[in-house]
Amino acid sequence: MYIDHKSNHIFISGMTRSGKTYFAVRALEDVPEGVFFFNLQNAEVTPRYITLSADDVEFKKLVELLRSGAKIDLRFPRYWKIKQIMLVIKYVSDEMLKAGFTEQKPIYLMYDECQTLEKEARNAVRLVATRGLYLGCRCVFITQRPALADLTFYTQAAEQYIFQLGKGEREYFKQKGIDYDLCCRIWVEKGKHSYIYTDGWKIEGRKAIEK
């Protein structure tokens, strides 16, 4: 298991090509629960994921797949406008809270580039972050700009996995009470695509997942 699996929300951050999305995809394919990946960047996934297009799915079928433990990779047509994408994210997020999942039999909702969520979609995802755990919805927030992500997303996450980030994100580290210079030393020591795990109490450097 690549995640510590504390039955809570997860926040994953890192600059472009730092390894954060690959880590999320690999880590979540190992969990027994269903996983729903809002794949905004058409990121590469592993063969265990079922790739579906947002313009050709039925919600009832999605729920059935997730109950069986399926890993779903949702792609958005390139011709879609941002507004259409946000409406789908809002709809699915709202409906998952009402789908009958439980703390004992939960699913994971994985939000790629969560800092880009707008208006109603952001509000819907914020609701999942605050109410989702006891309704069986665990969030995985992925972002390359954590300082721009909604504050609720990382304050509600018990586990954080931090891949290499630039100096522009120092304010985020300051808010989290994490020493940025220490993180830089760990990333160098552990090598390319390494990351830092923190649960708010400890900071631990970990090597990259092997491909």
N, C-alpha and C. Protein backbone atom coordinates (compact mmCIF):
# COMPACT_ATOMS: atom_id res chain seq x y z
N MET A 1 0.85 -1.19 0.00
CA MET A 1 0.00 0.00 0.00
C MET A 1 0.89 1.25 0.00
N TYR A 2 0.62 2.17 -0.91
CA TYR A 2 1.41 3.39 -1.00
C TYR A 2 0.84 4.52 -0.15
N ILE A 3 -0.44 4.43 0.18
CA ILE A 3 -1.02 5.44 1.07
C ILE A 3 -1.19 4.81 2.45
N ASP A 4 -1.18 5.65 3.47
CA ASP A 4 -1.26 5.13 4.83
C ASP A 4 -2.67 4.70 5.20
N HIS A 5 -3.65 5.14 4.39
CA HIS A 5 -5.01 4.61 4.50
C HIS A 5 -5.61 4.83 5.89
N LYS A 6 -5.68 6.10 6.28
CA LYS A 6 -6.23 6.45 7.58
C LYS A 6 -7.74 6.68 7.52
N SER A 7 -8.40 6.22 6.46
CA SER A 7 -9.85 6.35 6.32
C SER A 7 -10.27 7.82 6.33
N ASN A 8 -9.49 8.64 5.65
CA ASN A 8 -9.76 10.06 5.63
C ASN A 8 -9.49 10.61 4.24
N HIS A 9 -9.59 11.94 4.09
CA HIS A 9 -9.27 12.57 2.83
C HIS A 9 -7.75 12.66 2.66
N ILE A 10 -7.33 12.81 1.40
CA ILE A 10 -5.91 12.84 1.05
C ILE A 10 -5.65 14.05 0.16
N PHE A 11 -4.53 14.73 0.39
CA PHE A 11 -4.14 15.89 -0.41
C PHE A 11 -2.77 15.61 -1.00
N ILE A 12 -2.67 15.69 -2.33
CA ILE A 12 -1.41 15.39 -3.03
C ILE A 12 -1.01 16.61 -3.86
N SER A 13 0.19 17.13 -3.64
CA SER A 13 0.63 18.32 -4.36
C SER A 13 2.01 18.11 -4.96
N GLY A 14 2.29 18.87 -6.01
CA GLY A 14 3.59 18.78 -6.66
C GLY A 14 3.55 19.50 -8.00
N MET A 15 4.69 20.02 -8.43
CA MET A 15 4.74 20.72 -9.70
C MET A 15 4.54 19.75 -10.86
N THR A 16 4.34 20.29 -12.05
CA THR A 16 4.16 19.48 -13.25
C THR A 16 5.33 18.52 -13.42
N ARG A 17 5.00 17.27 -13.71
CA ARG A 17 5.98 16.19 -13.94
C ARG A 17 6.77 15.81 -12.68
N SER A 18 6.25 16.16 -11.52
CA SER A 18 6.93 15.77 -10.28
C SER A 18 6.59 14.34 -9.87
N GLY A 19 5.53 13.77 -10.46
CA GLY A 19 5.15 12.40 -10.14
C GLY A 19 3.88 12.28 -9.32
N LYS A 20 3.22 13.39 -9.02
CA LYS A 20 2.08 13.37 -8.11
C LYS A 20 0.88 12.59 -8.66
N THR A 21 0.53 12.81 -9.95
CA THR A 21 -0.65 12.14 -10.50
C THR A 21 -0.38 10.65 -10.70
N TYR A 22 0.81 10.32 -11.15
CA TYR A 22 1.16 8.90 -11.31
C TYR A 22 1.09 8.20 -9.96
N PHE A 23 1.59 8.87 -8.92
CA PHE A 23 1.52 8.31 -7.58
C PHE A 23 0.07 8.07 -7.17
N ALA A 24 -0.80 9.07 -7.40
CA ALA A 24 -2.20 8.95 -7.02
C ALA A 24 -2.86 7.77 -7.72
N VAL A 25 -2.63 7.66 -9.02
CA VAL A 25 -3.23 6.57 -9.80
C VAL A 25 -2.75 5.22 -9.30
N ARG A 26 -1.45 5.08 -9.10
CA ARG A 26 -0.89 3.81 -8.63
C ARG A 26 -1.34 3.49 -7.21
N ALA A 27 -1.32 4.48 -6.34
CA ALA A 27 -1.69 4.26 -4.94
C ALA A 27 -3.14 3.82 -4.82
N LEU A 28 -4.01 4.44 -5.58
CA LEU A 28 -5.44 4.13 -5.47
C LEU A 28 -5.83 2.82 -6.18
N GLU A 29 -5.01 2.35 -7.10
CA GLU A 29 -5.35 1.08 -7.73
C GLU A 29 -5.17 -0.09 -6.77
N ASP A 30 -4.44 0.14 -5.68
CA ASP A 30 -4.18 -0.92 -4.71
C ASP A 30 -5.24 -1.02 -3.62
N VAL A 31 -6.12 -0.02 -3.52
CA VAL A 31 -7.12 -0.07 -2.46
C VAL A 31 -8.29 -0.94 -2.90
N PRO A 32 -8.96 -1.62 -1.96
CA PRO A 32 -10.08 -2.48 -2.34
C PRO A 32 -11.34 -1.70 -2.72
N GLU A 33 -11.43 -0.44 -2.30
CA GLU A 33 -12.62 0.36 -2.58
C GLU A 33 -12.65 0.84 -4.03
N GLY A 34 -13.84 1.21 -4.48
CA GLY A 34 -13.98 1.80 -5.79
C GLY A 34 -13.32 3.17 -5.84
N VAL A 35 -12.84 3.55 -7.03
CA VAL A 35 -12.16 4.84 -7.22
C VAL A 35 -12.74 5.53 -8.45
N PHE A 36 -13.07 6.80 -8.31
CA PHE A 36 -13.58 7.59 -9.42
C PHE A 36 -12.64 8.76 -9.65
N PHE A 37 -11.95 8.77 -10.79
CA PHE A 37 -10.92 9.75 -11.10
C PHE A 37 -11.44 10.78 -12.10
N PHE A 38 -11.63 12.03 -11.65
CA PHE A 38 -11.98 13.12 -12.55
C PHE A 38 -10.68 13.54 -13.25
N ASN A 39 -10.41 12.97 -14.40
CA ASN A 39 -9.12 13.11 -15.07
C ASN A 39 -9.12 14.33 -16.00
N LEU A 40 -8.93 15.50 -15.44
CA LEU A 40 -9.03 16.74 -16.22
C LEU A 40 -7.92 16.90 -17.24
N GLN A 41 -6.76 16.30 -16.98
CA GLN A 41 -5.61 16.48 -17.87
C GLN A 41 -5.35 15.28 -18.77
N ASN A 42 -6.29 14.34 -18.80
CA ASN A 42 -6.10 13.10 -19.57
C ASN A 42 -4.77 12.43 -19.23
N ALA A 43 -4.50 12.38 -17.94
CA ALA A 43 -3.26 11.77 -17.46
C ALA A 43 -3.26 10.27 -17.72
N GLU A 44 -2.10 9.72 -17.87
CA GLU A 44 -1.95 8.28 -18.11
C GLU A 44 -2.40 7.50 -16.87
N VAL A 45 -3.15 6.45 -17.10
CA VAL A 45 -3.57 5.58 -15.99
C VAL A 45 -3.09 4.16 -16.27
N THR A 46 -3.22 3.30 -15.27
CA THR A 46 -2.79 1.91 -15.43
C THR A 46 -3.94 1.07 -16.00
N PRO A 47 -3.65 -0.13 -16.47
CA PRO A 47 -4.68 -0.99 -17.07
C PRO A 47 -5.83 -1.35 -16.13
N ARG A 48 -5.65 -1.19 -14.84
CA ARG A 48 -6.72 -1.53 -13.90
C ARG A 48 -7.87 -0.54 -13.95
N TYR A 49 -7.64 0.62 -14.53
CA TYR A 49 -8.68 1.64 -14.61
C TYR A 49 -9.54 1.44 -15.86
N ILE A 50 -10.84 1.67 -15.71
CA ILE A 50 -11.77 1.62 -16.83
C ILE A 50 -11.95 3.05 -17.32
N THR A 51 -11.54 3.34 -18.55
CA THR A 51 -11.65 4.69 -19.08
C THR A 51 -13.01 4.91 -19.71
N LEU A 52 -13.70 5.96 -19.26
CA LEU A 52 -15.02 6.31 -19.77
C LEU A 52 -15.02 7.78 -20.17
N SER A 53 -15.88 8.12 -21.14
CA SER A 53 -16.02 9.50 -21.56
C SER A 53 -17.22 10.13 -20.85
N ALA A 54 -17.05 11.38 -20.44
CA ALA A 54 -18.11 12.07 -19.70
C ALA A 54 -19.38 12.26 -20.50
N ASP A 55 -19.32 12.17 -21.82
CA ASP A 55 -20.52 12.34 -22.63
C ASP A 55 -21.21 11.01 -22.95
N ASP A 56 -20.75 9.93 -22.31
CA ASP A 56 -21.32 8.62 -22.64
C ASP A 56 -21.36 7.70 -21.42
N VAL A 57 -21.81 8.23 -20.28
CA VAL A 57 -21.89 7.41 -19.07
C VAL A 57 -23.23 7.62 -18.38
N GLU A 58 -23.69 6.60 -17.68
CA GLU A 58 -24.91 6.68 -16.89
C GLU A 58 -24.53 6.60 -15.42
N PHE A 59 -25.09 7.48 -14.61
CA PHE A 59 -24.71 7.53 -13.20
C PHE A 59 -24.99 6.21 -12.49
N LYS A 60 -26.13 5.60 -12.78
CA LYS A 60 -26.48 4.34 -12.13
C LYS A 60 -25.42 3.27 -12.40
N LYS A 61 -24.93 3.24 -13.63
CA LYS A 61 -23.88 2.28 -13.99
C LYS A 61 -22.58 2.59 -13.25
N LEU A 62 -22.27 3.88 -13.10
CA LEU A 62 -21.07 4.27 -12.37
C LEU A 62 -21.12 3.76 -10.94
N VAL A 63 -22.27 3.92 -10.30
CA VAL A 63 -22.42 3.49 -8.91
C VAL A 63 -22.24 1.98 -8.79
N GLU A 64 -22.82 1.24 -9.73
CA GLU A 64 -22.68 -0.22 -9.72
C GLU A 64 -21.22 -0.63 -9.84
N LEU A 65 -20.49 0.02 -10.74
CA LEU A 65 -19.07 -0.29 -10.92
C LEU A 65 -18.28 0.03 -9.66
N LEU A 66 -18.57 1.18 -9.06
CA LEU A 66 -17.84 1.58 -7.86
C LEU A 66 -18.13 0.64 -6.70
N ARG A 67 -19.35 0.18 -6.59
CA ARG A 67 -19.68 -0.77 -5.52
C ARG A 67 -18.89 -2.08 -5.67
N SER A 68 -18.55 -2.41 -6.89
CA SER A 68 -17.80 -3.65 -7.14
C SER A 68 -16.30 -3.46 -6.94
N GLY A 69 -15.89 -2.21 -6.63
CA GLY A 69 -14.46 -1.95 -6.42
C GLY A 69 -13.73 -1.50 -7.66
N ALA A 70 -14.46 -1.17 -8.73
CA ALA A 70 -13.84 -0.75 -9.98
C ALA A 70 -13.10 0.58 -9.83
N LYS A 71 -12.08 0.76 -10.66
CA LYS A 71 -11.35 2.02 -10.73
C LYS A 71 -11.75 2.68 -12.05
N ILE A 72 -12.39 3.84 -11.97
CA ILE A 72 -12.93 4.50 -13.15
C ILE A 72 -12.15 5.76 -13.47
N ASP A 73 -11.72 5.86 -14.72
CA ASP A 73 -10.98 7.00 -15.24
C ASP A 73 -11.93 7.80 -16.13
N LEU A 74 -12.45 8.92 -15.63
CA LEU A 74 -13.41 9.73 -16.40
C LEU A 74 -12.68 10.79 -17.21
N ARG A 75 -12.85 10.73 -18.52
CA ARG A 75 -12.24 11.71 -19.42
C ARG A 75 -13.30 12.69 -19.94
N PHE A 76 -12.86 13.89 -20.23
CA PHE A 76 -13.76 14.91 -20.75
C PHE A 76 -13.39 15.21 -22.21
N PRO A 77 -14.38 15.21 -23.12
CA PRO A 77 -14.09 15.51 -24.54
C PRO A 77 -13.35 16.83 -24.69
N ARG A 78 -12.41 16.87 -25.60
CA ARG A 78 -11.58 18.05 -25.77
C ARG A 78 -12.38 19.27 -26.23
N TYR A 79 -13.50 19.03 -26.89
CA TYR A 79 -14.30 20.16 -27.38
C TYR A 79 -15.21 20.74 -26.30
N TRP A 80 -15.26 20.10 -25.12
CA TRP A 80 -16.11 20.62 -24.04
C TRP A 80 -15.54 21.92 -23.49
N LYS A 81 -16.42 22.82 -23.11
CA LYS A 81 -16.01 24.05 -22.45
C LYS A 81 -15.91 23.80 -20.95
N ILE A 82 -15.21 24.69 -20.28
CA ILE A 82 -15.00 24.55 -18.84
C ILE A 82 -16.32 24.45 -18.09
N LYS A 83 -17.30 25.21 -18.51
CA LYS A 83 -18.59 25.21 -17.83
C LYS A 83 -19.22 23.82 -17.84
N GLN A 84 -19.12 23.12 -18.98
CA GLN A 84 -19.68 21.76 -19.06
C GLN A 84 -18.96 20.81 -18.10
N ILE A 85 -17.65 20.95 -18.07
CA ILE A 85 -16.85 20.09 -17.18
C ILE A 85 -17.22 20.33 -15.72
N MET A 86 -17.35 21.60 -15.35
CA MET A 86 -17.69 21.94 -13.97
C MET A 86 -19.08 21.42 -13.59
N LEU A 87 -20.01 21.46 -14.53
CA LEU A 87 -21.36 20.96 -14.25
C LEU A 87 -21.34 19.46 -13.97
N VAL A 88 -20.53 18.72 -14.72
CA VAL A 88 -20.42 17.28 -14.50
C VAL A 88 -19.80 17.00 -13.13
N ILE A 89 -18.74 17.72 -12.80
CA ILE A 89 -18.09 17.53 -11.50
C ILE A 89 -19.07 17.82 -10.37
N LYS A 90 -19.82 18.89 -10.51
CA LYS A 90 -20.82 19.23 -9.49
C LYS A 90 -21.88 18.14 -9.39
N TYR A 91 -22.42 17.71 -10.51
CA TYR A 91 -23.49 16.72 -10.50
C TYR A 91 -23.02 15.40 -9.86
N VAL A 92 -21.90 14.91 -10.32
CA VAL A 92 -21.40 13.63 -9.81
C VAL A 92 -21.08 13.74 -8.32
N SER A 93 -20.45 14.83 -7.92
CA SER A 93 -20.10 15.02 -6.50
C SER A 93 -21.35 15.05 -5.63
N ASP A 94 -22.35 15.80 -6.07
CA ASP A 94 -23.60 15.88 -5.32
C ASP A 94 -24.27 14.51 -5.21
N GLU A 95 -24.34 13.81 -6.32
CA GLU A 95 -25.06 12.53 -6.36
C GLU A 95 -24.33 11.44 -5.58
N MET A 96 -23.01 11.48 -5.55
CA MET A 96 -22.26 10.46 -4.82
C MET A 96 -22.57 10.52 -3.32
N LEU A 97 -22.84 11.72 -2.83
CA LEU A 97 -23.19 11.85 -1.42
C LEU A 97 -24.53 11.19 -1.10
N LYS A 98 -25.37 11.02 -2.12
CA LYS A 98 -26.70 10.44 -1.93
C LYS A 98 -26.79 9.00 -2.43
N ALA A 99 -25.67 8.44 -2.86
CA ALA A 99 -25.69 7.13 -3.53
C ALA A 99 -25.75 5.94 -2.58
N GLY A 100 -25.62 6.18 -1.27
CA GLY A 100 -25.75 5.09 -0.31
C GLY A 100 -24.45 4.43 0.10
N PHE A 101 -23.31 5.06 -0.21
CA PHE A 101 -22.04 4.53 0.29
C PHE A 101 -21.95 4.82 1.79
N THR A 102 -21.11 4.10 2.50
CA THR A 102 -21.03 4.25 3.95
C THR A 102 -19.57 4.31 4.39
N GLU A 103 -19.36 4.65 5.66
CA GLU A 103 -18.01 4.66 6.22
C GLU A 103 -17.38 3.28 6.14
N GLN A 104 -18.19 2.24 6.28
CA GLN A 104 -17.69 0.86 6.23
C GLN A 104 -17.43 0.41 4.79
N LYS A 105 -18.21 0.93 3.84
CA LYS A 105 -18.05 0.58 2.42
C LYS A 105 -17.99 1.86 1.60
N PRO A 106 -16.85 2.54 1.66
CA PRO A 106 -16.72 3.84 1.00
C PRO A 106 -16.17 3.72 -0.42
N ILE A 107 -16.07 4.87 -1.08
CA ILE A 107 -15.38 4.99 -2.36
C ILE A 107 -14.42 6.17 -2.26
N TYR A 108 -13.52 6.27 -3.24
CA TYR A 108 -12.62 7.41 -3.34
C TYR A 108 -13.01 8.25 -4.56
N LEU A 109 -13.11 9.56 -4.35
CA LEU A 109 -13.33 10.51 -5.43
C LEU A 109 -12.03 11.30 -5.61
N MET A 110 -11.40 11.12 -6.76
CA MET A 110 -10.07 11.69 -6.99
C MET A 110 -10.20 12.89 -7.94
N TYR A 111 -9.90 14.08 -7.42
CA TYR A 111 -10.06 15.32 -8.16
C TYR A 111 -8.71 15.83 -8.67
N ASP A 112 -8.51 15.73 -9.97
CA ASP A 112 -7.27 16.20 -10.59
C ASP A 112 -7.32 17.73 -10.73
N GLU A 113 -6.17 18.38 -10.53
CA GLU A 113 -6.06 19.84 -10.66
C GLU A 113 -7.19 20.55 -9.91
N CYS A 114 -7.31 20.22 -8.64
CA CYS A 114 -8.43 20.73 -7.84
C CYS A 114 -8.41 22.24 -7.68
N GLN A 115 -7.28 22.89 -7.95
CA GLN A 115 -7.22 24.35 -7.84
C GLN A 115 -8.00 25.03 -8.96
N THR A 116 -8.38 24.28 -10.00
CA THR A 116 -9.10 24.87 -11.13
C THR A 116 -10.62 24.81 -10.98
N LEU A 117 -11.10 24.17 -9.92
CA LEU A 117 -12.55 24.05 -9.74
C LEU A 117 -13.18 25.43 -9.59
N GLU A 118 -14.31 25.61 -10.26
CA GLU A 118 -14.95 26.92 -10.27
C GLU A 118 -16.34 26.87 -9.64
N LYS A 119 -16.73 27.94 -9.01
CA LYS A 119 -18.07 28.24 -8.54
C LYS A 119 -18.81 27.03 -7.97
N GLU A 120 -19.91 26.63 -8.67
CA GLU A 120 -20.76 25.56 -8.14
C GLU A 120 -20.00 24.25 -7.95
N ALA A 121 -19.07 23.94 -8.86
CA ALA A 121 -18.29 22.70 -8.74
C ALA A 121 -17.43 22.75 -7.48
N ARG A 122 -16.79 23.87 -7.25
CA ARG A 122 -15.96 24.02 -6.04
C ARG A 122 -16.80 23.89 -4.78
N ASN A 123 -17.98 24.49 -4.78
CA ASN A 123 -18.86 24.40 -3.62
C ASN A 123 -19.31 22.96 -3.38
N ALA A 124 -19.61 22.24 -4.46
CA ALA A 124 -20.04 20.85 -4.33
C ALA A 124 -18.92 19.98 -3.77
N VAL A 125 -17.71 20.20 -4.26
CA VAL A 125 -16.57 19.40 -3.79
C VAL A 125 -16.23 19.78 -2.35
N ARG A 126 -16.39 21.05 -2.01
CA ARG A 126 -16.18 21.47 -0.63
C ARG A 126 -17.15 20.74 0.31
N LEU A 127 -18.38 20.52 -0.16
CA LEU A 127 -19.37 19.80 0.64
C LEU A 127 -18.95 18.35 0.84
N VAL A 128 -18.40 17.74 -0.21
CA VAL A 128 -17.90 16.37 -0.08
C VAL A 128 -16.76 16.32 0.93
N ALA A 129 -15.91 17.34 0.90
CA ALA A 129 -14.78 17.39 1.82
C ALA A 129 -15.23 17.51 3.28
N THR A 130 -16.33 18.20 3.51
CA THR A 130 -16.77 18.43 4.88
C THR A 130 -17.76 17.38 5.38
N ARG A 131 -18.56 16.82 4.48
CA ARG A 131 -19.60 15.87 4.90
C ARG A 131 -19.41 14.46 4.37
N GLY A 132 -18.47 14.30 3.45
CA GLY A 132 -18.38 13.05 2.72
C GLY A 132 -17.95 11.82 3.50
N LEU A 133 -17.13 11.98 4.52
CA LEU A 133 -16.57 10.81 5.18
C LEU A 133 -17.65 9.90 5.76
N TYR A 134 -18.61 10.46 6.47
CA TYR A 134 -19.63 9.60 7.06
C TYR A 134 -20.68 9.16 6.05
N LEU A 135 -20.60 9.74 4.83
CA LEU A 135 -21.48 9.30 3.73
C LEU A 135 -20.72 8.41 2.74
N GLY A 136 -19.55 7.97 3.16
CA GLY A 136 -18.80 7.00 2.36
C GLY A 136 -18.04 7.56 1.17
N CYS A 137 -17.73 8.85 1.19
CA CYS A 137 -16.99 9.46 0.08
C CYS A 137 -15.68 10.06 0.59
N ARG A 138 -14.58 9.42 0.25
CA ARG A 138 -13.26 9.92 0.63
C ARG A 138 -12.67 10.66 -0.56
N CYS A 139 -12.17 11.84 -0.32
CA CYS A 139 -11.61 12.67 -1.40
C CYS A 139 -10.10 12.49 -1.51
N VAL A 140 -9.63 12.56 -2.75
CA VAL A 140 -8.20 12.65 -3.02
C VAL A 140 -8.02 13.89 -3.89
N PHE A 141 -7.41 14.92 -3.33
CA PHE A 141 -7.21 16.18 -4.03
C PHE A 141 -5.80 16.22 -4.60
N ILE A 142 -5.70 16.52 -5.90
CA ILE A 142 -4.40 16.58 -6.58
C ILE A 142 -4.22 17.98 -7.15
N THR A 143 -3.08 18.59 -6.91
CA THR A 143 -2.86 19.95 -7.42
C THR A 143 -1.39 20.26 -7.62
N GLN A 144 -1.12 21.10 -8.62
CA GLN A 144 0.25 21.60 -8.81
C GLN A 144 0.43 22.97 -8.18
N ARG A 145 -0.68 23.56 -7.70
CA ARG A 145 -0.62 24.87 -7.05
C ARG A 145 -1.42 24.83 -5.75
N PRO A 146 -0.88 24.21 -4.72
CA PRO A 146 -1.63 24.06 -3.47
C PRO A 146 -2.07 25.37 -2.84
N ALA A 147 -1.29 26.44 -3.02
CA ALA A 147 -1.66 27.72 -2.43
C ALA A 147 -2.93 28.29 -3.07
N LEU A 148 -3.26 27.83 -4.28
CA LEU A 148 -4.47 28.30 -4.97
C LEU A 148 -5.67 27.38 -4.75
N ALA A 149 -5.44 26.23 -4.16
CA ALA A 149 -6.54 25.30 -3.91
C ALA A 149 -7.42 25.82 -2.77
N ASP A 150 -8.67 25.41 -2.78
CA ASP A 150 -9.59 25.81 -1.72
C ASP A 150 -9.04 25.36 -0.37
N LEU A 151 -9.06 26.27 0.59
CA LEU A 151 -8.51 25.98 1.92
C LEU A 151 -9.13 24.73 2.53
N THR A 152 -10.42 24.51 2.28
CA THR A 152 -11.11 23.35 2.84
C THR A 152 -10.49 22.04 2.38
N PHE A 153 -9.98 22.02 1.16
CA PHE A 153 -9.45 20.78 0.60
C PHE A 153 -8.28 20.25 1.42
N TYR A 154 -7.34 21.13 1.78
CA TYR A 154 -6.19 20.58 2.52
C TYR A 154 -6.35 20.63 4.03
N THR A 155 -7.27 21.44 4.53
CA THR A 155 -7.48 21.40 5.98
C THR A 155 -8.28 20.16 6.38
N GLN A 156 -9.08 19.62 5.47
CA GLN A 156 -9.87 18.43 5.77
C GLN A 156 -9.10 17.13 5.50
N ALA A 157 -7.93 17.24 4.92
CA ALA A 157 -7.15 16.05 4.56
C ALA A 157 -6.22 15.64 5.70
N ALA A 158 -6.39 14.43 6.19
CA ALA A 158 -5.54 13.93 7.27
C ALA A 158 -4.17 13.50 6.76
N GLU A 159 -4.11 13.12 5.51
CA GLU A 159 -2.85 12.68 4.91
C GLU A 159 -2.46 13.63 3.79
N GLN A 160 -1.19 14.02 3.76
CA GLN A 160 -0.70 14.85 2.67
C GLN A 160 0.58 14.26 2.11
N TYR A 161 0.65 14.25 0.79
CA TYR A 161 1.80 13.73 0.07
C TYR A 161 2.32 14.87 -0.80
N ILE A 162 3.53 15.34 -0.50
CA ILE A 162 4.05 16.54 -1.13
C ILE A 162 5.24 16.19 -2.03
N PHE A 163 5.04 16.36 -3.32
CA PHE A 163 6.12 16.17 -4.29
C PHE A 163 6.80 17.52 -4.48
N GLN A 164 7.84 17.55 -5.30
CA GLN A 164 8.63 18.77 -5.41
C GLN A 164 7.77 19.96 -5.81
N LEU A 165 7.95 21.05 -5.10
CA LEU A 165 7.24 22.30 -5.35
C LEU A 165 8.23 23.45 -5.38
N GLY A 166 7.91 24.50 -6.15
CA GLY A 166 8.80 25.65 -6.28
C GLY A 166 8.66 26.63 -5.14
N LYS A 167 9.51 27.64 -5.14
CA LYS A 167 9.52 28.63 -4.07
C LYS A 167 8.23 29.42 -4.01
N GLY A 168 7.50 29.47 -5.12
CA GLY A 168 6.24 30.20 -5.15
C GLY A 168 5.19 29.63 -4.21
N GLU A 169 5.41 28.41 -3.74
CA GLU A 169 4.46 27.77 -2.83
C GLU A 169 4.90 27.87 -1.37
N ARG A 170 5.86 28.74 -1.08
CA ARG A 170 6.33 28.87 0.31
C ARG A 170 5.20 29.23 1.27
N GLU A 171 4.26 30.05 0.83
CA GLU A 171 3.17 30.47 1.70
C GLU A 171 2.32 29.28 2.12
N TYR A 172 2.14 28.34 1.19
CA TYR A 172 1.40 27.12 1.52
C TYR A 172 2.11 26.35 2.62
N PHE A 173 3.42 26.21 2.49
CA PHE A 173 4.20 25.49 3.51
C PHE A 173 4.13 26.22 4.85
N LYS A 174 4.16 27.52 4.79
CA LYS A 174 4.07 28.31 6.02
C LYS A 174 2.74 28.07 6.72
N GLN A 175 1.64 28.05 5.94
CA GLN A 175 0.32 27.82 6.50
C GLN A 175 0.23 26.43 7.15
N LYS A 176 0.92 25.48 6.56
CA LYS A 176 0.88 24.11 7.07
C LYS A 176 1.90 23.88 8.19
N GLY A 177 2.75 24.87 8.46
CA GLY A 177 3.75 24.71 9.50
C GLY A 177 4.85 23.75 9.11
N ILE A 178 5.14 23.70 7.80
CA ILE A 178 6.16 22.77 7.28
C ILE A 178 7.37 23.58 6.80
N ASP A 179 8.55 23.13 7.12
CA ASP A 179 9.79 23.79 6.75
C ASP A 179 10.09 23.50 5.27
N TYR A 180 9.97 24.52 4.42
CA TYR A 180 10.19 24.33 2.98
C TYR A 180 11.62 23.90 2.68
N ASP A 181 12.59 24.50 3.36
CA ASP A 181 14.00 24.15 3.11
C ASP A 181 14.28 22.69 3.48
N LEU A 182 13.64 22.21 4.55
CA LEU A 182 13.78 20.81 4.92
C LEU A 182 13.21 19.92 3.82
N CYS A 183 12.08 20.30 3.26
CA CYS A 183 11.48 19.53 2.18
C CYS A 183 12.41 19.46 0.97
N CYS A 184 13.03 20.59 0.65
CA CYS A 184 13.96 20.62 -0.49
C CYS A 184 15.11 19.65 -0.28
N ARG A 185 15.63 19.60 0.94
CA ARG A 185 16.74 18.68 1.24
C ARG A 185 16.28 17.22 1.10
N ILE A 186 15.06 16.95 1.53
CA ILE A 186 14.54 15.58 1.44
C ILE A 186 14.35 15.18 -0.02
N TRP A 187 13.79 16.08 -0.84
CA TRP A 187 13.59 15.76 -2.25
C TRP A 187 14.91 15.45 -2.95
N VAL A 188 15.94 16.20 -2.60
CA VAL A 188 17.26 15.96 -3.20
C VAL A 188 17.82 14.63 -2.71
N GLU A 189 17.71 14.39 -1.42
CA GLU A 189 18.26 13.17 -0.82
C GLU A 189 17.57 11.91 -1.35
N LYS A 190 16.24 11.95 -1.49
CA LYS A 190 15.48 10.78 -1.91
C LYS A 190 15.44 10.59 -3.42
N GLY A 191 15.76 11.63 -4.18
CA GLY A 191 15.83 11.50 -5.62
C GLY A 191 14.58 11.90 -6.38
N LYS A 192 14.65 11.79 -7.69
CA LYS A 192 13.57 12.20 -8.59
C LYS A 192 12.26 11.51 -8.25
N HIS A 193 11.17 12.28 -8.28
CA HIS A 193 9.81 11.80 -8.00
C HIS A 193 9.62 11.31 -6.57
N SER A 194 10.56 11.67 -5.69
CA SER A 194 10.37 11.35 -4.28
C SER A 194 9.34 12.30 -3.71
N TYR A 195 8.87 12.01 -2.52
CA TYR A 195 7.82 12.84 -1.93
C TYR A 195 7.91 12.80 -0.42
N ILE A 196 7.15 13.70 0.18
CA ILE A 196 7.11 13.83 1.64
C ILE A 196 5.72 13.47 2.12
N TYR A 197 5.67 12.64 3.12
CA TYR A 197 4.39 12.29 3.75
C TYR A 197 4.28 13.02 5.07
N THR A 198 3.11 13.60 5.31
CA THR A 198 2.87 14.20 6.62
C THR A 198 1.41 13.99 7.01
N ASP A 199 1.21 13.72 8.28
CA ASP A 199 -0.15 13.58 8.81
C ASP A 199 -0.44 14.70 9.81
N GLY A 200 0.38 15.75 9.76
CA GLY A 200 0.21 16.86 10.68
C GLY A 200 1.09 16.74 11.91
N TRP A 201 1.64 15.54 12.12
CA TRP A 201 2.48 15.31 13.30
C TRP A 201 3.92 15.00 12.90
N LYS A 202 4.06 14.20 11.87
CA LYS A 202 5.41 13.82 11.45
C LYS A 202 5.61 14.18 9.99
N ILE A 203 6.88 14.32 9.61
CA ILE A 203 7.26 14.56 8.23
C ILE A 203 8.25 13.46 7.84
N GLU A 204 7.91 12.74 6.80
CA GLU A 204 8.72 11.58 6.42
C GLU A 204 8.99 11.59 4.93
N GLY A 205 10.26 11.51 4.53
CA GLY A 205 10.63 11.45 3.12
C GLY A 205 10.53 10.03 2.59
N ARG A 206 9.97 9.89 1.37
CA ARG A 206 9.81 8.57 0.77
C ARG A 206 10.29 8.58 -0.68
N LYS A 207 10.85 7.47 -1.11
CA LYS A 207 11.35 7.37 -2.49
C LYS A 207 10.19 7.18 -3.46
N ALA A 208 10.47 7.44 -4.73
CA ALA A 208 9.46 7.34 -5.77
C ALA A 208 8.95 5.92 -5.93
N ILE A 209 7.72 5.79 -6.40
CA ILE A 209 7.16 4.50 -6.75
C ILE A 209 7.88 3.98 -7.99
N GLU A 210 8.24 2.74 -7.98
CA GLU A 210 8.90 2.16 -9.15
C GLU A 210 7.88 1.87 -10.24
N LYS A 211 8.25 2.20 -11.48
CA LYS A 211 7.35 1.95 -12.61
C LYS A 211 7.53 0.53 -13.12
